[in-house]
Amino acid sequence: MRVFIIDKHVLFRRCMLAYLQENNDISVIGEAESLESAIEILNTEEQPQPDIFLIDTDLSSHKDRKSVV
């Protein structure tokens, strides 16, 4: 399973990355501090698409929240 982490706290992203990498069935393919950054990263041709996103539910920008929908 390919996972992409979106959270404004870099420490949380690093800890989640380390935790998920312990499972051989999970591959963290990227991380970003905002939905806007994630969209930019995911729109590159070389970037594989994730099966699941781990998203911070307390993103500060309402614009970011609308992007999820």
Protein backbone atom coordinates (compact mmCIF):
# COMPACT_ATOMS: atom_id res chain seq x y z
CA MET A 1 0.00 0.00 0.00
CA ARG A 2 1.32 3.45 -0.95
CA VAL A 3 0.80 6.19 1.66
CA PHE A 4 1.18 9.97 1.44
CA ILE A 5 1.40 11.97 4.71
CA ILE A 6 0.05 15.53 4.94
CA ASP A 7 0.60 17.30 8.25
CA LYS A 8 1.92 20.73 9.17
CA HIS A 9 4.09 19.31 11.98
CA VAL A 10 7.36 17.94 10.65
CA LEU A 11 7.99 15.94 13.85
CA PHE A 12 4.67 14.12 13.43
CA ARG A 13 5.46 13.37 9.78
CA ARG A 14 8.89 11.99 10.68
CA CYS A 15 7.52 9.80 13.49
CA MET A 16 4.70 8.49 11.31
CA LEU A 17 7.17 7.78 8.51
CA ALA A 18 9.42 5.80 10.86
CA TYR A 19 6.45 3.88 12.26
CA LEU A 20 4.99 3.01 8.86
CA GLN A 21 8.34 1.93 7.42
CA GLU A 22 8.42 -0.90 9.96
CA ASN A 23 5.67 -2.60 7.94
CA ASN A 24 6.88 -4.20 4.70
CA ASP A 25 3.42 -3.90 3.12
CA ILE A 26 3.39 -0.08 3.45
CA SER A 27 5.45 2.32 1.38
CA VAL A 28 5.42 6.02 2.26
CA ILE A 29 5.74 7.67 -1.14
CA GLY A 30 5.73 11.26 0.03
CA GLU A 31 4.94 13.87 2.60
CA ALA A 32 3.90 17.51 2.62
CA GLU A 33 3.07 20.24 5.13
CA SER A 34 -0.13 21.31 3.35
CA LEU A 35 -2.64 20.08 0.81
CA GLU A 36 -1.40 22.68 -1.64
CA SER A 37 2.15 21.33 -1.36
CA ALA A 38 0.90 17.76 -1.67
CA ILE A 39 -1.00 18.59 -4.87
CA GLU A 40 2.14 20.13 -6.37
CA ILE A 41 4.19 17.06 -5.48
CA LEU A 42 1.56 14.61 -6.74
CA ASN A 43 1.17 16.42 -10.05
CA THR A 44 4.71 15.55 -11.13
CA GLU A 45 4.86 12.83 -13.79
CA GLU A 46 7.37 10.71 -11.89
CA GLN A 47 5.40 10.64 -8.64
CA PRO A 48 3.43 7.41 -8.06
CA GLN A 49 -0.11 7.97 -6.82
CA PRO A 50 -0.94 6.95 -3.24
CA ASP A 51 -3.53 4.41 -2.22
CA ILE A 52 -4.23 6.33 0.98
CA PHE A 53 -3.59 9.77 2.48
CA LEU A 54 -2.93 10.50 6.13
CA ILE A 55 -4.18 14.07 6.48
CA ASP A 56 -3.98 16.47 9.42
CA THR A 57 -7.61 17.30 10.20
CA ASP A 58 -6.61 20.63 11.71
CA LEU A 59 -5.21 22.30 8.60
CA SER A 60 -5.36 26.04 9.13
CA SER A 61 -6.51 27.06 5.67
CA HIS A 62 -10.15 26.64 4.65
CA LYS A 63 -8.91 26.58 1.06
CA ASP A 64 -6.95 23.43 1.91
CA ARG A 65 -10.02 21.77 3.40
CA LYS A 66 -12.01 22.35 0.22
CA SER A 67 -9.23 20.68 -1.78
CA VAL A 68 -9.82 17.40 0.03
CA VAL A 69 -13.37 17.17 -1.26
